[in-house]
Amino acid sequence: MSVVDEFTLLERSRRGDEAAFSQLFAAYQRKLFRYAAYMCGREAGDDIVQETFLAVLRQTGRRDTPSGSVLGYLFGIARHLVWKRHAGSPDQHEDVTDAIDRIAAPEPTALERMTHAETLDAVRAAVQSLPAPYREAIVLCDLEEVDYASAAQAMQVPIGTVRSRVHRARALLATKLSAPGGPKGPPYENTRAAS
């Protein structure tokens, strides 16, 4: 979808155009759900997506165009709702065991399926154990493939901070996943000071 098209869909959705809203929802719902599921749990993911799009529908009087991208704008709304749900504490999160879509093609043997499942579980656990700012950056930029500028817009931080958090998150994940036995222990502390 082109930038002009996405801004047109947003504008028309704000005016109550059901077809435009349906297209906007179809285009971004999955990305927003996966982000919300990683940040506060699968059950809350549906609620966050619904509340995000309801916020768009409630903006009937707004005519301004968001800076950046519509995806970054929607992630910004979702992020606000995630932190609001956790009463401003980004280091609280529910355990997410099924937040990532299952890989469609099953492995041919039982041993390969078991190994694959263990690997996915280890990656999920490693991502979940990251401090919230790092987890958010890795989910947006690596898992959802959002560009750094849109992630910075959503997270309300400079683009350099996003790059730093992604770099640090990748390093932490590499350490956790290379350690014997995989990810261990509670999430790192002092997540608010993370940059």
C-alpha atoms as a PDB file:
ATOM      1  CA  MET A   1       0.000   0.000   0.000  1.00  0.00           C
ATOM      2  CA  SER A   2       1.380   3.409  -0.908  1.00  0.00           C
ATOM      3  CA  VAL A   3       1.806   6.180   1.644  1.00  0.00           C
ATOM      4  CA  VAL A   4      -0.895   8.254  -0.064  1.00  0.00           C
ATOM      5  CA  ASP A   5      -3.309   5.319   0.027  1.00  0.00           C
ATOM      6  CA  GLU A   6      -2.725   4.609   3.717  1.00  0.00           C
ATOM      7  CA  PHE A   7      -3.260   8.252   4.698  1.00  0.00           C
ATOM      8  CA  THR A   8      -6.400   8.362   2.537  1.00  0.00           C
ATOM      9  CA  LEU A   9      -7.717   5.234   4.275  1.00  0.00           C
ATOM     10  CA  LEU A  10      -7.030   6.776   7.667  1.00  0.00           C
ATOM     11  CA  GLU A  11      -8.766  10.018   6.740  1.00  0.00           C
ATOM     12  CA  ARG A  12     -11.786   8.226   5.262  1.00  0.00           C
ATOM     13  CA  SER A  13     -11.959   5.874   8.285  1.00  0.00           C
ATOM     14  CA  ARG A  14     -12.048   8.865  10.622  1.00  0.00           C
ATOM     15  CA  ARG A  15     -15.035  10.181   8.637  1.00  0.00           C
ATOM     16  CA  GLY A  16     -16.890   6.884   9.113  1.00  0.00           C
ATOM     17  CA  ASP A  17     -16.286   5.243   5.716  1.00  0.00           C
ATOM     18  CA  GLU A  18     -16.857   1.553   6.505  1.00  0.00           C
ATOM     19  CA  ALA A  19     -15.079   0.229   3.398  1.00  0.00           C
ATOM     20  CA  ALA A  20     -11.985   2.320   4.143  1.00  0.00           C
ATOM     21  CA  PHE A  21     -12.045   1.251   7.777  1.00  0.00           C
ATOM     22  CA  SER A  22     -12.272  -2.412   6.739  1.00  0.00           C
ATOM     23  CA  GLN A  23      -9.249  -1.994   4.469  1.00  0.00           C
ATOM     24  CA  LEU A  24      -7.287  -0.190   7.180  1.00  0.00           C
ATOM     25  CA  PHE A  25      -8.170  -2.902   9.689  1.00  0.00           C
ATOM     26  CA  ALA A  26      -7.251  -5.713   7.275  1.00  0.00           C
ATOM     27  CA  ALA A  27      -3.927  -4.079   6.457  1.00  0.00           C
ATOM     28  CA  TYR A  28      -2.704  -3.547  10.026  1.00  0.00           C
ATOM     29  CA  GLN A  29      -4.657  -5.766  12.426  1.00  0.00           C
ATOM     30  CA  ARG A  30      -2.209  -8.712  12.458  1.00  0.00           C
ATOM     31  CA  LYS A  31       0.866  -6.562  13.063  1.00  0.00           C
ATOM     32  CA  LEU A  32      -0.845  -4.703  15.896  1.00  0.00           C
ATOM     33  CA  PHE A  33      -2.075  -7.962  17.427  1.00  0.00           C
ATOM     34  CA  ARG A  34       1.366  -9.580  17.431  1.00  0.00           C
ATOM     35  CA  TYR A  35       2.879  -6.461  18.983  1.00  0.00           C
ATOM     36  CA  ALA A  36       0.205  -6.302  21.696  1.00  0.00           C
ATOM     37  CA  ALA A  37       0.433 -10.048  22.372  1.00  0.00           C
ATOM     38  CA  TYR A  38       4.176  -9.807  22.917  1.00  0.00           C
ATOM     39  CA  MET A  39       3.861  -6.770  25.118  1.00  0.00           C
ATOM     40  CA  CYS A  40       0.949  -7.788  27.362  1.00  0.00           C
ATOM     41  CA  GLY A  41      -0.313 -11.260  26.466  1.00  0.00           C
ATOM     42  CA  ARG A  42      -2.399 -12.938  23.787  1.00  0.00           C
ATOM     43  CA  GLU A  43      -5.715 -12.392  25.567  1.00  0.00           C
ATOM     44  CA  ALA A  44      -5.040  -8.675  25.833  1.00  0.00           C
ATOM     45  CA  GLY A  45      -3.869  -8.544  22.213  1.00  0.00           C
ATOM     46  CA  ASP A  46      -7.405  -8.668  20.822  1.00  0.00           C
ATOM     47  CA  ASP A  47      -8.522  -5.950  23.220  1.00  0.00           C
ATOM     48  CA  ILE A  48      -5.606  -3.687  22.316  1.00  0.00           C
ATOM     49  CA  VAL A  49      -6.311  -4.080  18.584  1.00  0.00           C
ATOM     50  CA  GLN A  50     -10.000  -3.358  19.100  1.00  0.00           C
ATOM     51  CA  GLU A  51      -9.298  -0.316  21.276  1.00  0.00           C
ATOM     52  CA  THR A  52      -6.717   0.982  18.766  1.00  0.00           C
ATOM     53  CA  PHE A  53      -9.169   0.915  15.887  1.00  0.00           C
ATOM     54  CA  LEU A  54     -11.976   2.287  18.064  1.00  0.00           C
ATOM     55  CA  ALA A  55      -9.690   5.227  18.859  1.00  0.00           C
ATOM     56  CA  VAL A  56      -9.394   5.861  15.106  1.00  0.00           C
ATOM     57  CA  LEU A  57     -13.185   5.755  14.724  1.00  0.00           C
ATOM     58  CA  ARG A  58     -13.581   8.234  17.582  1.00  0.00           C
ATOM     59  CA  GLN A  59     -11.384  10.773  15.790  1.00  0.00           C
ATOM     60  CA  THR A  60     -14.218  12.034  13.604  1.00  0.00           C
ATOM     61  CA  GLY A  61     -13.238  15.667  14.125  1.00  0.00           C
ATOM     62  CA  ARG A  62      -9.535  15.217  13.391  1.00  0.00           C
ATOM     63  CA  ARG A  63      -8.243  16.318  10.012  1.00  0.00           C
ATOM     64  CA  ASP A  64      -4.514  16.350  10.773  1.00  0.00           C
ATOM     65  CA  THR A  65      -2.193  13.913   9.068  1.00  0.00           C
ATOM     66  CA  PRO A  66       0.141  11.999  11.364  1.00  0.00           C
ATOM     67  CA  SER A  67       3.832  12.583  10.831  1.00  0.00           C
ATOM     68  CA  GLY A  68       5.658   9.486   9.698  1.00  0.00           C
ATOM     69  CA  SER A  69       3.585   6.495   8.631  1.00  0.00           C
ATOM     70  CA  VAL A  70       0.071   5.322   9.412  1.00  0.00           C
ATOM     71  CA  LEU A  71       1.548   2.088  10.775  1.00  0.00           C
ATOM     72  CA  GLY A  72       3.757   4.085  13.162  1.00  0.00           C
ATOM     73  CA  TYR A  73       0.725   6.143  14.152  1.00  0.00           C
ATOM     74  CA  LEU A  74      -1.348   3.015  14.867  1.00  0.00           C
ATOM     75  CA  PHE A  75       1.526   1.430  16.801  1.00  0.00           C
ATOM     76  CA  GLY A  76       1.710   4.634  18.842  1.00  0.00           C
ATOM     77  CA  ILE A  77      -1.958   4.308  19.802  1.00  0.00           C
ATOM     78  CA  ALA A  78      -1.505   0.611  20.600  1.00  0.00           C
ATOM     79  CA  ARG A  79       1.614   1.347  22.651  1.00  0.00           C
ATOM     80  CA  HIS A  80      -0.250   3.949  24.689  1.00  0.00           C
ATOM     81  CA  LEU A  81      -2.995   1.399  25.378  1.00  0.00           C
ATOM     82  CA  VAL A  82      -0.455  -1.280  26.360  1.00  0.00           C
ATOM     83  CA  TRP A  83       1.247   1.004  28.885  1.00  0.00           C
ATOM     84  CA  LYS A  84      -2.114   2.261  30.132  1.00  0.00           C
ATOM     85  CA  ARG A  85      -3.199  -1.340  30.692  1.00  0.00           C
ATOM     86  CA  HIS A  86      -0.104  -1.891  32.805  1.00  0.00           C
ATOM     87  CA  ALA A  87      -0.600   1.376  34.677  1.00  0.00           C
ATOM     88  CA  GLY A  88       2.567   2.874  33.234  1.00  0.00           C
ATOM     89  CA  SER A  89       4.803  -0.020  34.199  1.00  0.00           C
ATOM     90  CA  PRO A  90       6.466  -1.393  31.065  1.00  0.00           C
ATOM     91  CA  ASP A  91       8.220  -4.159  32.970  1.00  0.00           C
ATOM     92  CA  GLN A  92       4.981  -5.997  33.782  1.00  0.00           C
ATOM     93  CA  HIS A  93       3.801  -8.559  31.258  1.00  0.00           C
ATOM     94  CA  GLU A  94       1.841 -11.766  31.093  1.00  0.00           C
ATOM     95  CA  ASP A  95       3.410 -15.013  30.001  1.00  0.00           C
ATOM     96  CA  VAL A  96       2.876 -15.407  26.253  1.00  0.00           C
ATOM     97  CA  THR A  97       3.177 -18.956  24.991  1.00  0.00           C
ATOM     98  CA  ASP A  98       1.201 -18.738  21.757  1.00  0.00           C
ATOM     99  CA  ALA A  99       1.710 -15.126  20.678  1.00  0.00           C
ATOM    100  CA  ILE A 100       3.669 -16.008  17.552  1.00  0.00           C
ATOM    101  CA  ASP A 101       1.828 -17.678  14.711  1.00  0.00           C
ATOM    102  CA  ARG A 102       2.782 -21.301  14.288  1.00  0.00           C
ATOM    103  CA  ILE A 103       4.948 -22.095  11.319  1.00  0.00           C
ATOM    104  CA  ALA A 104       2.620 -23.548   8.690  1.00  0.00           C
ATOM    105  CA  ALA A 105       4.605 -26.497   7.348  1.00  0.00           C
ATOM    106  CA  PRO A 106       5.137 -29.263   9.923  1.00  0.00           C
ATOM    107  CA  GLU A 107       8.467 -31.088   9.945  1.00  0.00           C
ATOM    108  CA  PRO A 108       8.375 -34.601   8.523  1.00  0.00           C
ATOM    109  CA  THR A 109       9.527 -36.510  11.620  1.00  0.00           C
ATOM    110  CA  ALA A 110       8.435 -36.439  15.230  1.00  0.00           C
ATOM    111  CA  LEU A 111      11.992 -35.668  16.378  1.00  0.00           C
ATOM    112  CA  GLU A 112      12.236 -32.717  13.997  1.00  0.00           C
ATOM    113  CA  ARG A 113       8.839 -31.431  15.158  1.00  0.00           C
ATOM    114  CA  MET A 114       9.882 -31.693  18.784  1.00  0.00           C
ATOM    115  CA  THR A 115      13.209 -29.958  18.138  1.00  0.00           C
ATOM    116  CA  HIS A 116      11.466 -27.213  16.175  1.00  0.00           C
ATOM    117  CA  ALA A 117       8.908 -26.682  18.962  1.00  0.00           C
ATOM    118  CA  GLU A 118      11.656 -26.509  21.571  1.00  0.00           C
ATOM    119  CA  THR A 119      13.522 -23.932  19.485  1.00  0.00           C
ATOM    120  CA  LEU A 120      10.401 -21.788  19.070  1.00  0.00           C
ATOM    121  CA  ASP A 121       9.685 -22.035  22.780  1.00  0.00           C
ATOM    122  CA  ALA A 122      13.268 -21.002  23.573  1.00  0.00           C
ATOM    123  CA  VAL A 123      13.043 -17.988  21.256  1.00  0.00           C
ATOM    124  CA  ARG A 124       9.655 -16.975  22.689  1.00  0.00           C
ATOM    125  CA  ALA A 125      10.970 -17.294  26.231  1.00  0.00           C
ATOM    126  CA  ALA A 126      14.099 -15.307  25.356  1.00  0.00           C
ATOM    127  CA  VAL A 127      12.050 -12.498  23.786  1.00  0.00           C
ATOM    128  CA  GLN A 128       9.631 -12.479  26.734  1.00  0.00           C
ATOM    129  CA  SER A 129      12.503 -12.225  29.214  1.00  0.00           C
ATOM    130  CA  LEU A 130      13.885  -9.048  27.620  1.00  0.00           C
ATOM    131  CA  PRO A 131      13.263  -5.761  29.413  1.00  0.00           C
ATOM    132  CA  ALA A 132      10.129  -4.141  28.002  1.00  0.00           C
ATOM    133  CA  PRO A 133      11.922  -1.372  26.024  1.00  0.00           C
ATOM    134  CA  TYR A 134      14.187  -3.928  24.323  1.00  0.00           C
ATOM    135  CA  ARG A 135      11.335  -6.393  23.798  1.00  0.00           C
ATOM    136  CA  GLU A 136       9.254  -3.648  22.215  1.00  0.00           C
ATOM    137  CA  ALA A 137      12.070  -2.630  19.864  1.00  0.00           C
ATOM    138  CA  ILE A 138      12.815  -6.195  18.754  1.00  0.00           C
ATOM    139  CA  VAL A 139       9.122  -7.010  18.248  1.00  0.00           C
ATOM    140  CA  LEU A 140       8.528  -3.901  16.153  1.00  0.00           C
ATOM    141  CA  CYS A 141      11.726  -3.888  14.096  1.00  0.00           C
ATOM    142  CA  ASP A 142      12.653  -7.555  13.733  1.00  0.00           C
ATOM    143  CA  LEU A 143       9.453  -9.531  14.157  1.00  0.00           C
ATOM    144  CA  GLU A 144       7.036  -7.035  12.596  1.00  0.00           C
ATOM    145  CA  GLU A 145       9.660  -5.606  10.213  1.00  0.00           C
ATOM    146  CA  VAL A 146       8.669  -2.010  10.972  1.00  0.00           C
ATOM    147  CA  ASP A 147      11.283   0.478   9.784  1.00  0.00           C
ATOM    148  CA  TYR A 148      13.253   2.358  12.433  1.00  0.00           C
ATOM    149  CA  ALA A 149      11.527   5.671  11.684  1.00  0.00           C
ATOM    150  CA  SER A 150       8.035   4.207  12.222  1.00  0.00           C
ATOM    151  CA  ALA A 151       9.209   2.394  15.358  1.00  0.00           C
ATOM    152  CA  ALA A 152      10.671   5.655  16.686  1.00  0.00           C
ATOM    153  CA  GLN A 153       7.364   7.383  15.961  1.00  0.00           C
ATOM    154  CA  ALA A 154       5.406   4.670  17.785  1.00  0.00           C
ATOM    155  CA  MET A 155       7.782   4.504  20.736  1.00  0.00           C
ATOM    156  CA  GLN A 156       8.129   8.301  20.929  1.00  0.00           C
ATOM    157  CA  VAL A 157      11.921   8.149  21.053  1.00  0.00           C
ATOM    158  CA  PRO A 158      14.683   9.280  18.674  1.00  0.00           C
ATOM    159  CA  ILE A 159      15.614   6.892  15.876  1.00  0.00           C
ATOM    160  CA  GLY A 160      19.055   6.432  17.450  1.00  0.00           C
ATOM    161  CA  THR A 161      17.418   5.101  20.598  1.00  0.00           C
ATOM    162  CA  VAL A 162      15.488   2.549  18.535  1.00  0.00           C
ATOM    163  CA  ARG A 163      18.720   1.425  16.836  1.00  0.00           C
ATOM    164  CA  SER A 164      20.450   1.167  20.203  1.00  0.00           C
ATOM    165  CA  ARG A 165      17.621  -0.861  21.739  1.00  0.00           C
ATOM    166  CA  VAL A 166      17.443  -3.234  18.761  1.00  0.00           C
ATOM    167  CA  HIS A 167      21.213  -3.740  18.870  1.00  0.00           C
ATOM    168  CA  ARG A 168      21.160  -4.375  22.623  1.00  0.00           C
ATOM    169  CA  ALA A 169      18.118  -6.676  22.347  1.00  0.00           C
ATOM    170  CA  ARG A 170      19.827  -8.747  19.642  1.00  0.00           C
ATOM    171  CA  ALA A 171      22.926  -9.064  21.809  1.00  0.00           C
ATOM    172  CA  LEU A 172      20.866 -10.128  24.824  1.00  0.00           C
ATOM    173  CA  LEU A 173      18.941 -12.655  22.722  1.00  0.00           C
ATOM    174  CA  ALA A 174      22.156 -14.087  21.293  1.00  0.00           C
ATOM    175  CA  THR A 175      23.548 -14.495  24.801  1.00  0.00           C
ATOM    176  CA  LYS A 176      20.356 -16.068  26.123  1.00  0.00           C
ATOM    177  CA  LEU A 177      19.943 -18.453  23.193  1.00  0.00           C
ATOM    178  CA  SER A 178      23.588 -19.560  23.167  1.00  0.00           C
ATOM    179  CA  ALA A 179      23.649 -20.280  26.896  1.00  0.00           C
ATOM    180  CA  PRO A 180      23.298 -23.955  27.853  1.00  0.00           C
ATOM    181  CA  GLY A 181      19.665 -24.591  28.693  1.00  0.00           C
ATOM    182  CA  GLY A 182      18.398 -21.465  26.903  1.00  0.00           C
ATOM    183  CA  PRO A 183      16.724 -18.486  28.545  1.00  0.00           C
ATOM    184  CA  LYS A 184      16.607 -18.470  32.320  1.00  0.00           C
ATOM    185  CA  GLY A 185      15.524 -16.272  35.107  1.00  0.00           C
ATOM    186  CA  PRO A 186      13.229 -13.273  35.375  1.00  0.00           C
ATOM    187  CA  PRO A 187      13.376 -10.328  32.995  1.00  0.00           C
ATOM    188  CA  TYR A 188      16.262  -7.927  33.515  1.00  0.00           C
ATOM    189  CA  GLU A 189      15.721  -5.159  35.989  1.00  0.00           C
ATOM    190  CA  ASN A 190      15.865  -1.398  35.560  1.00  0.00           C
ATOM    191  CA  THR A 191      13.911  -1.441  32.294  1.00  0.00           C
ATOM    192  CA  ARG A 192      12.884   2.200  32.572  1.00  0.00           C
ATOM    193  CA  ALA A 193      16.493   3.304  32.294  1.00  0.00           C
ATOM    194  CA  ALA A 194      17.054   1.258  29.129  1.00  0.00           C
ATOM    195  CA  SER A 195      18.053   3.275  26.109  1.00  0.00           C
END
